Amino acid sequence: MPIRLKKLIGTLLILIWLFFYVLFALKLAATILPDSHWAVQVLYYAFAGMAWIVPPGFIIQWMAEGARDDD
């Protein structure tokens, strides 16, 4: 698969993932966190703020696989 196509597909997948992840994280926060302690809220937002990067990391790794071969 050409590297440009892989990058296009990967970019679209990351944007779609981010859109749905944000919706899910906000819905979860709105339903569970309003009555919780402030420390729980801080921990949730810290975790949610960092957890979104794990799946895009695999997508970025997949996008970069063929880059060395095409040079």
PDB file of N, CA and C in Angstrom:
ATOM      1  N   MET A   1       0.846  -1.166   0.000  1.00  0.00           N
ATOM      2  CA  MET A   1       0.000   0.000   0.000  1.00  0.00           C
ATOM      3  C   MET A   1       0.899   1.239   0.000  1.00  0.00           C
ATOM      4  N   PRO A   2       0.605   2.205  -0.842  1.00  0.00           N
ATOM      5  CA  PRO A   2       1.426   3.423  -0.877  1.00  0.00           C
ATOM      6  C   PRO A   2       1.378   4.164   0.460  1.00  0.00           C
ATOM      7  N   ILE A   3       2.500   4.762   0.825  1.00  0.00           N
ATOM      8  CA  ILE A   3       2.622   5.428   2.117  1.00  0.00           C
ATOM      9  C   ILE A   3       1.652   6.593   2.228  1.00  0.00           C
ATOM     10  N   ARG A   4       1.398   7.289   1.126  1.00  0.00           N
ATOM     11  CA  ARG A   4       0.472   8.426   1.173  1.00  0.00           C
ATOM     12  C   ARG A   4      -0.943   7.957   1.485  1.00  0.00           C
ATOM     13  N   LEU A   5      -1.324   6.816   0.952  1.00  0.00           N
ATOM     14  CA  LEU A   5      -2.647   6.270   1.234  1.00  0.00           C
ATOM     15  C   LEU A   5      -2.740   5.814   2.683  1.00  0.00           C
ATOM     16  N   LYS A   6      -1.669   5.194   3.182  1.00  0.00           N
ATOM     17  CA  LYS A   6      -1.657   4.774   4.589  1.00  0.00           C
ATOM     18  C   LYS A   6      -1.787   5.976   5.514  1.00  0.00           C
ATOM     19  N   LYS A   7      -1.102   7.060   5.175  1.00  0.00           N
ATOM     20  CA  LYS A   7      -1.182   8.256   6.014  1.00  0.00           C
ATOM     21  C   LYS A   7      -2.571   8.885   5.956  1.00  0.00           C
ATOM     22  N   LEU A   8      -3.189   8.872   4.801  1.00  0.00           N
ATOM     23  CA  LEU A   8      -4.548   9.401   4.680  1.00  0.00           C
ATOM     24  C   LEU A   8      -5.529   8.572   5.498  1.00  0.00           C
ATOM     25  N   ILE A   9      -5.456   7.262   5.358  1.00  0.00           N
ATOM     26  CA  ILE A   9      -6.341   6.366   6.111  1.00  0.00           C
ATOM     27  C   ILE A   9      -6.088   6.508   7.609  1.00  0.00           C
ATOM     28  N   GLY A  10      -4.841   6.538   7.999  1.00  0.00           N
ATOM     29  CA  GLY A  10      -4.493   6.670   9.414  1.00  0.00           C
ATOM     30  C   GLY A  10      -4.980   7.985  10.003  1.00  0.00           C
ATOM     31  N   THR A  11      -4.827   9.063   9.263  1.00  0.00           N
ATOM     32  CA  THR A  11      -5.288  10.361   9.739  1.00  0.00           C
ATOM     33  C   THR A  11      -6.798  10.371   9.923  1.00  0.00           C
ATOM     34  N   LEU A  12      -7.516   9.815   8.969  1.00  0.00           N
ATOM     35  CA  LEU A  12      -8.973   9.748   9.085  1.00  0.00           C
ATOM     36  C   LEU A  12      -9.397   8.877  10.265  1.00  0.00           C
ATOM     37  N   LEU A  13      -8.721   7.751  10.453  1.00  0.00           N
ATOM     38  CA  LEU A  13      -9.042   6.884  11.594  1.00  0.00           C
ATOM     39  C   LEU A  13      -8.792   7.585  12.926  1.00  0.00           C
ATOM     40  N   ILE A  14      -7.708   8.332  13.021  1.00  0.00           N
ATOM     41  CA  ILE A  14      -7.411   9.055  14.257  1.00  0.00           C
ATOM     42  C   ILE A  14      -8.465  10.123  14.527  1.00  0.00           C
ATOM     43  N   LEU A  15      -8.870  10.854  13.495  1.00  0.00           N
ATOM     44  CA  LEU A  15      -9.896  11.882  13.687  1.00  0.00           C
ATOM     45  C   LEU A  15     -11.232  11.281  14.094  1.00  0.00           C
ATOM     46  N   ILE A  16     -11.604  10.167  13.477  1.00  0.00           N
ATOM     47  CA  ILE A  16     -12.850   9.487  13.844  1.00  0.00           C
ATOM     48  C   ILE A  16     -12.758   8.971  15.274  1.00  0.00           C
ATOM     49  N   TRP A  17     -11.640   8.341  15.613  1.00  0.00           N
ATOM     50  CA  TRP A  17     -11.435   7.840  16.982  1.00  0.00           C
ATOM     51  C   TRP A  17     -11.558   8.981  17.996  1.00  0.00           C
ATOM     52  N   LEU A  18     -10.905  10.097  17.725  1.00  0.00           N
ATOM     53  CA  LEU A  18     -10.908  11.214  18.653  1.00  0.00           C
ATOM     54  C   LEU A  18     -12.314  11.768  18.855  1.00  0.00           C
ATOM     55  N   PHE A  19     -13.078  11.881  17.781  1.00  0.00           N
ATOM     56  CA  PHE A  19     -14.454  12.378  17.865  1.00  0.00           C
ATOM     57  C   PHE A  19     -15.289  11.496  18.790  1.00  0.00           C
ATOM     58  N   PHE A  20     -15.270  10.189  18.557  1.00  0.00           N
ATOM     59  CA  PHE A  20     -16.083   9.293  19.367  1.00  0.00           C
ATOM     60  C   PHE A  20     -15.547   9.152  20.793  1.00  0.00           C
ATOM     61  N   TYR A  21     -14.243   9.215  20.969  1.00  0.00           N
ATOM     62  CA  TYR A  21     -13.671   9.136  22.313  1.00  0.00           C
ATOM     63  C   TYR A  21     -14.100  10.336  23.150  1.00  0.00           C
ATOM     64  N   VAL A  22     -14.056  11.521  22.560  1.00  0.00           N
ATOM     65  CA  VAL A  22     -14.463  12.722  23.289  1.00  0.00           C
ATOM     66  C   VAL A  22     -15.932  12.635  23.679  1.00  0.00           C
ATOM     67  N   LEU A  23     -16.777  12.193  22.756  1.00  0.00           N
ATOM     68  CA  LEU A  23     -18.199  12.041  23.087  1.00  0.00           C
ATOM     69  C   LEU A  23     -18.398  11.059  24.236  1.00  0.00           C
ATOM     70  N   PHE A  24     -17.712   9.936  24.189  1.00  0.00           N
ATOM     71  CA  PHE A  24     -17.831   8.924  25.231  1.00  0.00           C
ATOM     72  C   PHE A  24     -17.315   9.444  26.569  1.00  0.00           C
ATOM     73  N   ALA A  25     -16.150  10.084  26.568  1.00  0.00           N
ATOM     74  CA  ALA A  25     -15.563  10.570  27.820  1.00  0.00           C
ATOM     75  C   ALA A  25     -16.430  11.654  28.452  1.00  0.00           C
ATOM     76  N   LEU A  26     -16.965  12.534  27.632  1.00  0.00           N
ATOM     77  CA  LEU A  26     -17.819  13.579  28.185  1.00  0.00           C
ATOM     78  C   LEU A  26     -19.142  13.031  28.694  1.00  0.00           C
ATOM     79  N   LYS A  27     -19.729  12.096  27.974  1.00  0.00           N
ATOM     80  CA  LYS A  27     -20.977  11.484  28.429  1.00  0.00           C
ATOM     81  C   LYS A  27     -20.758  10.735  29.742  1.00  0.00           C
ATOM     82  N   LEU A  28     -19.671  10.012  29.828  1.00  0.00           N
ATOM     83  CA  LEU A  28     -19.354   9.291  31.059  1.00  0.00           C
ATOM     84  C   LEU A  28     -19.148  10.268  32.217  1.00  0.00           C
ATOM     85  N   ALA A  29     -18.431  11.343  31.972  1.00  0.00           N
ATOM     86  CA  ALA A  29     -18.195  12.331  33.020  1.00  0.00           C
ATOM     87  C   ALA A  29     -19.495  13.006  33.445  1.00  0.00           C
ATOM     88  N   ALA A  30     -20.367  13.296  32.488  1.00  0.00           N
ATOM     89  CA  ALA A  30     -21.619  13.979  32.804  1.00  0.00           C
ATOM     90  C   ALA A  30     -22.578  13.089  33.589  1.00  0.00           C
ATOM     91  N   THR A  31     -22.498  11.785  33.400  1.00  0.00           N
ATOM     92  CA  THR A  31     -23.423  10.896  34.103  1.00  0.00           C
ATOM     93  C   THR A  31     -22.885  10.419  35.450  1.00  0.00           C
ATOM     94  N   ILE A  32     -21.584  10.281  35.586  1.00  0.00           N
ATOM     95  CA  ILE A  32     -21.016   9.694  36.799  1.00  0.00           C
ATOM     96  C   ILE A  32     -20.404  10.738  37.739  1.00  0.00           C
ATOM     97  N   LEU A  33     -19.752  11.745  37.204  1.00  0.00           N
ATOM     98  CA  LEU A  33     -18.932  12.620  38.039  1.00  0.00           C
ATOM     99  C   LEU A  33     -19.614  13.797  38.728  1.00  0.00           C
ATOM    100  N   PRO A  34     -20.800  14.241  38.359  1.00  0.00           N
ATOM    101  CA  PRO A  34     -21.315  15.477  38.968  1.00  0.00           C
ATOM    102  C   PRO A  34     -21.378  15.465  40.495  1.00  0.00           C
ATOM    103  N   ASP A  35     -21.673  14.346  41.103  1.00  0.00           N
ATOM    104  CA  ASP A  35     -21.793  14.295  42.561  1.00  0.00           C
ATOM    105  C   ASP A  35     -20.575  13.695  43.251  1.00  0.00           C
ATOM    106  N   SER A  36     -19.524  13.478  42.508  1.00  0.00           N
ATOM    107  CA  SER A  36     -18.354  12.831  43.112  1.00  0.00           C
ATOM    108  C   SER A  36     -17.396  13.866  43.706  1.00  0.00           C
ATOM    109  N   HIS A  37     -16.475  13.371  44.485  1.00  0.00           N
ATOM    110  CA  HIS A  37     -15.469  14.200  45.142  1.00  0.00           C
ATOM    111  C   HIS A  37     -14.560  14.842  44.093  1.00  0.00           C
ATOM    112  N   TRP A  38     -14.008  16.009  44.416  1.00  0.00           N
ATOM    113  CA  TRP A  38     -13.170  16.718  43.458  1.00  0.00           C
ATOM    114  C   TRP A  38     -11.927  15.923  43.079  1.00  0.00           C
ATOM    115  N   ALA A  39     -11.402  15.123  44.003  1.00  0.00           N
ATOM    116  CA  ALA A  39     -10.204  14.326  43.706  1.00  0.00           C
ATOM    117  C   ALA A  39     -10.521  13.236  42.677  1.00  0.00           C
ATOM    118  N   VAL A  40     -11.697  12.653  42.752  1.00  0.00           N
ATOM    119  CA  VAL A  40     -12.115  11.655  41.767  1.00  0.00           C
ATOM    120  C   VAL A  40     -12.247  12.310  40.399  1.00  0.00           C
ATOM    121  N   GLN A  41     -12.779  13.521  40.372  1.00  0.00           N
ATOM    122  CA  GLN A  41     -12.910  14.231  39.107  1.00  0.00           C
ATOM    123  C   GLN A  41     -11.538  14.531  38.493  1.00  0.00           C
ATOM    124  N   VAL A  42     -10.607  14.953  39.325  1.00  0.00           N
ATOM    125  CA  VAL A  42      -9.254  15.238  38.834  1.00  0.00           C
ATOM    126  C   VAL A  42      -8.613  13.970  38.274  1.00  0.00           C
ATOM    127  N   LEU A  43      -8.744  12.873  38.994  1.00  0.00           N
ATOM    128  CA  LEU A  43      -8.175  11.613  38.517  1.00  0.00           C
ATOM    129  C   LEU A  43      -8.822  11.164  37.216  1.00  0.00           C
ATOM    130  N   TYR A  44     -10.143  11.308  37.117  1.00  0.00           N
ATOM    131  CA  TYR A  44     -10.833  10.908  35.888  1.00  0.00           C
ATOM    132  C   TYR A  44     -10.348  11.737  34.702  1.00  0.00           C
ATOM    133  N   TYR A  45     -10.327  13.051  34.875  1.00  0.00           N
ATOM    134  CA  TYR A  45      -9.920  13.907  33.756  1.00  0.00           C
ATOM    135  C   TYR A  45      -8.442  13.720  33.403  1.00  0.00           C
ATOM    136  N   ALA A  46      -7.612  13.421  34.375  1.00  0.00           N
ATOM    137  CA  ALA A  46      -6.205  13.132  34.074  1.00  0.00           C
ATOM    138  C   ALA A  46      -6.087  11.836  33.278  1.00  0.00           C
ATOM    139  N   PHE A  47      -6.827  10.820  33.708  1.00  0.00           N
ATOM    140  CA  PHE A  47      -6.793   9.547  32.982  1.00  0.00           C
ATOM    141  C   PHE A  47      -7.393   9.690  31.595  1.00  0.00           C
ATOM    142  N   ALA A  48      -8.550  10.321  31.499  1.00  0.00           N
ATOM    143  CA  ALA A  48      -9.217  10.490  30.206  1.00  0.00           C
ATOM    144  C   ALA A  48      -8.390  11.359  29.267  1.00  0.00           C
ATOM    145  N   GLY A  49      -7.672  12.311  29.832  1.00  0.00           N
ATOM    146  CA  GLY A  49      -6.840  13.181  29.006  1.00  0.00           C
ATOM    147  C   GLY A  49      -5.619  12.490  28.425  1.00  0.00           C
ATOM    148  N   MET A  50      -5.193  11.397  29.051  1.00  0.00           N
ATOM    149  CA  MET A  50      -4.024  10.678  28.547  1.00  0.00           C
ATOM    150  C   MET A  50      -4.382   9.379  27.829  1.00  0.00           C
ATOM    151  N   ALA A  51      -5.527   8.800  28.129  1.00  0.00           N
ATOM    152  CA  ALA A  51      -5.875   7.486  27.584  1.00  0.00           C
ATOM    153  C   ALA A  51      -6.217   7.523  26.103  1.00  0.00           C
ATOM    154  N   TRP A  52      -6.604   8.672  25.589  1.00  0.00           N
ATOM    155  CA  TRP A  52      -7.001   8.734  24.187  1.00  0.00           C
ATOM    156  C   TRP A  52      -5.832   8.463  23.238  1.00  0.00           C
ATOM    157  N   ILE A  53      -4.614   8.637  23.698  1.00  0.00           N
ATOM    158  CA  ILE A  53      -3.449   8.553  22.816  1.00  0.00           C
ATOM    159  C   ILE A  53      -3.018   7.121  22.524  1.00  0.00           C
ATOM    160  N   VAL A  54      -3.478   6.146  23.293  1.00  0.00           N
ATOM    161  CA  VAL A  54      -3.018   4.764  23.103  1.00  0.00           C
ATOM    162  C   VAL A  54      -3.426   4.208  21.731  1.00  0.00           C
ATOM    163  N   PRO A  55      -4.699   4.199  21.347  1.00  0.00           N
ATOM    164  CA  PRO A  55      -5.038   3.683  20.010  1.00  0.00           C
ATOM    165  C   PRO A  55      -4.396   4.462  18.853  1.00  0.00           C
ATOM    166  N   PRO A  56      -4.361   5.798  18.883  1.00  0.00           N
ATOM    167  CA  PRO A  56      -3.649   6.491  17.807  1.00  0.00           C
ATOM    168  C   PRO A  56      -2.167   6.145  17.735  1.00  0.00           C
ATOM    169  N   GLY A  57      -1.580   5.763  18.857  1.00  0.00           N
ATOM    170  CA  GLY A  57      -0.179   5.344  18.827  1.00  0.00           C
ATOM    171  C   GLY A  57       0.030   4.120  17.952  1.00  0.00           C
ATOM    172  N   PHE A  58      -0.901   3.169  18.036  1.00  0.00           N
ATOM    173  CA  PHE A  58      -0.821   1.986  17.166  1.00  0.00           C
ATOM    174  C   PHE A  58      -1.067   2.354  15.711  1.00  0.00           C
ATOM    175  N   ILE A  59      -1.983   3.280  15.477  1.00  0.00           N
ATOM    176  CA  ILE A  59      -2.270   3.707  14.103  1.00  0.00           C
ATOM    177  C   ILE A  59      -1.060   4.428  13.517  1.00  0.00           C
ATOM    178  N   ILE A  60      -0.424   5.282  14.306  1.00  0.00           N
ATOM    179  CA  ILE A  60       0.769   5.992  13.833  1.00  0.00           C
ATOM    180  C   ILE A  60       1.899   5.012  13.552  1.00  0.00           C
ATOM    181  N   GLN A  61       2.037   4.011  14.385  1.00  0.00           N
ATOM    182  CA  GLN A  61       3.059   2.989  14.151  1.00  0.00           C
ATOM    183  C   GLN A  61       2.778   2.253  12.837  1.00  0.00           C
ATOM    184  N   TRP A  62       1.512   1.921  12.578  1.00  0.00           N
ATOM    185  CA  TRP A  62       1.140   1.266  11.326  1.00  0.00           C
ATOM    186  C   TRP A  62       1.416   2.172  10.134  1.00  0.00           C
ATOM    187  N   MET A  63       1.139   3.466  10.287  1.00  0.00           N
ATOM    188  CA  MET A  63       1.366   4.401   9.192  1.00  0.00           C
ATOM    189  C   MET A  63       2.854   4.527   8.856  1.00  0.00           C
ATOM    190  N   ALA A  64       3.709   4.391   9.843  1.00  0.00           N
ATOM    191  CA  ALA A  64       5.153   4.578   9.641  1.00  0.00           C
ATOM    192  C   ALA A  64       5.865   3.312   9.194  1.00  0.00           C
ATOM    193  N   GLU A  65       5.189   2.162   9.203  1.00  0.00           N
ATOM    194  CA  GLU A  65       5.854   0.896   8.861  1.00  0.00           C
ATOM    195  C   GLU A  65       6.481   0.905   7.481  1.00  0.00           C
ATOM    196  N   GLY A  66       5.785   1.360   6.483  1.00  0.00           N
ATOM    197  CA  GLY A  66       6.299   1.303   5.135  1.00  0.00           C
ATOM    198  C   GLY A  66       7.130   2.494   4.740  1.00  0.00           C
ATOM    199  N   ALA A  67       7.275   3.483   5.599  1.00  0.00           N
ATOM    200  CA  ALA A  67       7.993   4.709   5.250  1.00  0.00           C
ATOM    201  C   ALA A  67       9.468   4.432   4.990  1.00  0.00           C
ATOM    202  N   ARG A  68      10.084   3.557   5.749  1.00  0.00           N
ATOM    203  CA  ARG A  68      11.506   3.256   5.554  1.00  0.00           C
ATOM    204  C   ARG A  68      11.732   2.463   4.280  1.00  0.00           C
ATOM    205  N   ASP A  69      10.758   1.649   3.884  1.00  0.00           N
ATOM    206  CA  ASP A  69      10.914   0.833   2.686  1.00  0.00           C
ATOM    207  C   ASP A  69      10.805   1.642   1.404  1.00  0.00           C
ATOM    208  N   ASP A  70      10.017   2.740   1.440  1.00  0.00           N
ATOM    209  CA  ASP A  70       9.788   3.539   0.238  1.00  0.00           C
ATOM    210  C   ASP A  70      10.894   4.530  -0.038  1.00  0.00           C
ATOM    211  N   ASP A  71      11.791   4.782   0.924  1.00  0.00           N
ATOM    212  CA  ASP A  71      12.851   5.784   0.728  1.00  0.00           C
ATOM    213  C   ASP A  71      13.880   5.333  -0.264  1.00  0.00           C
TER     214      ASP A  71
END
